[in-house]
Protein backbone atom coordinates (compact mmCIF):
# COMPACT_ATOMS: atom_id res chain seq x y z
CA MET A 1 -20.66 -6.00 36.63
CA THR A 2 -16.72 -6.68 36.23
CA GLY A 3 -14.91 -6.16 33.94
CA LEU A 4 -15.59 -6.59 30.14
CA SER A 5 -17.78 -9.34 31.30
CA THR A 6 -21.76 -9.44 32.75
CA ARG A 7 -23.14 -12.33 34.63
CA LEU A 8 -25.36 -14.29 33.79
CA SER A 9 -28.58 -16.19 36.45
CA SER A 10 -26.16 -18.88 37.55
CA PRO A 11 -23.03 -17.31 39.25
CA GLY A 12 -19.59 -18.14 37.76
CA THR A 13 -21.03 -18.13 34.07
CA THR A 14 -20.16 -15.05 32.52
CA ARG A 15 -20.19 -14.49 28.93
CA PRO A 16 -18.60 -11.20 26.52
CA HIS A 17 -19.33 -7.90 26.88
CA PRO A 18 -20.41 -6.69 23.26
CA ALA A 19 -17.11 -3.96 23.64
CA GLY A 20 -14.47 -6.68 24.66
CA ARG A 21 -15.69 -8.23 21.16
CA LEU A 22 -15.39 -4.74 19.19
CA PHE A 23 -12.12 -4.45 20.69
CA ARG A 24 -11.43 -7.89 19.87
CA SER A 25 -12.15 -7.00 16.01
CA LEU A 26 -10.03 -4.08 15.98
CA ALA A 27 -7.03 -5.45 16.93
CA ALA A 28 -7.21 -7.73 14.80
CA PHE A 29 -8.04 -5.66 11.58
CA ALA A 30 -5.28 -2.96 13.21
CA ARG A 31 -2.28 -6.40 12.66
CA HIS A 32 -4.25 -7.01 9.49
CA LEU A 33 -3.68 -3.77 7.87
CA ALA A 34 0.23 -3.33 9.39
CA ALA A 35 0.68 -6.62 8.47
CA ARG A 36 -0.33 -5.14 4.78
CA ALA A 37 2.11 -2.29 4.82
CA ALA A 38 4.99 -4.28 5.72
CA GLU A 39 4.18 -6.58 3.03
CA GLY A 40 3.98 -3.24 0.53
CA LEU A 41 7.35 -2.14 2.26
CA SER A 42 9.23 -5.17 1.93
CA ARG A 43 7.83 -5.55 -1.82
CA ARG A 44 9.03 -2.74 -2.82
CA ALA A 45 12.04 -3.11 -1.20
CA ILE A 46 12.96 -6.50 -3.23
CA ASN A 47 11.77 -4.58 -6.25
CA GLU A 48 14.48 -2.18 -5.93
CA ARG A 49 16.72 -4.46 -5.52
CA VAL A 50 15.71 -6.17 -8.58
CA LEU A 51 15.85 -3.24 -10.50
CA TYR A 52 19.07 -2.35 -9.48
CA GLN A 53 20.67 -5.83 -9.90
CA LEU A 54 19.14 -6.21 -13.63
CA GLY A 55 20.72 -2.72 -14.45
CA GLY A 56 24.26 -3.49 -13.71
CA MET A 57 23.80 -6.01 -15.89
CA SER A 58 24.98 -6.54 -19.42
CA ASP A 59 22.88 -6.55 -22.60
CA ARG A 60 23.96 -10.31 -23.28
CA GLU A 61 22.98 -10.98 -20.06
CA LEU A 62 19.66 -9.68 -20.21
CA ARG A 63 19.33 -11.02 -23.76
CA ASP A 64 19.40 -14.25 -22.03
CA ILE A 65 17.21 -14.10 -19.14
CA GLY A 66 14.83 -13.12 -21.85
CA LEU A 67 15.01 -9.59 -21.15
CA VAL A 68 16.60 -5.78 -23.05
CA ARG A 69 17.30 -3.17 -21.57
CA GLN A 70 14.45 -1.23 -22.36
CA ASP A 71 12.27 -3.56 -20.30
CA VAL A 72 14.30 -2.72 -17.09
CA VAL A 73 13.78 1.26 -18.02
CA ASP A 74 10.15 0.13 -18.58
CA ALA A 75 9.84 -1.19 -14.85
CA ALA A 76 12.05 0.99 -13.08
CA ALA A 77 9.22 3.26 -14.48
CA PHE A 78 6.44 1.80 -13.29
CA ALA A 79 4.32 2.68 -11.16
CA GLN A 80 5.94 2.39 -7.46
CA GLU A 81 2.30 1.09 -5.94
CA GLN A 82 2.67 -2.09 -8.62
CA ASP A 83 5.34 -5.15 -8.49
CA SER A 84 7.31 -4.20 -11.29
CA THR A 85 8.21 -7.59 -11.94
CA LEU A 86 5.05 -8.74 -12.82
CA LEU A 87 5.73 -6.06 -15.98
CA LEU A 88 9.59 -8.44 -16.36
CA VAL A 89 7.74 -11.51 -16.50
CA ALA A 90 5.19 -10.36 -18.99
CA ARG A 91 7.40 -8.79 -20.88
CA ARG A 92 9.66 -12.17 -21.05
CA ASN A 93 6.98 -14.40 -21.50
CA GLU A 94 5.92 -12.82 -24.54
CA ARG A 95 8.77 -13.04 -26.45
CA ARG A 96 9.49 -16.25 -25.34
CA GLY A 97 5.69 -17.08 -26.97
CA ALA A 98 6.15 -15.06 -30.01
CA GLY A 99 9.76 -16.85 -30.44
CA ARG A 100 7.91 -20.56 -30.32
CA SER A 101 5.10 -18.90 -32.89
């Protein structure tokens, strides 16, 4: 046996060792988890930045984009695992839909 390959009956032909395949699968899974963690961290940073900017707007500016001050307060209180921008968009869409009826 040499490295993670085993020799077959014909010289020069090798097949991957099952441990090598397992290692590649585990490495791919670890990369996937790292990417998801980075995505979550960046999403949280974006949410915080959006809420900070919305918090600095006047009531009139918020009304112009279809929100009220309470929407920003509610989004800030939203669970950190959740995407608070989804709540803001849903509230805005509710108001737009109610205004057209």
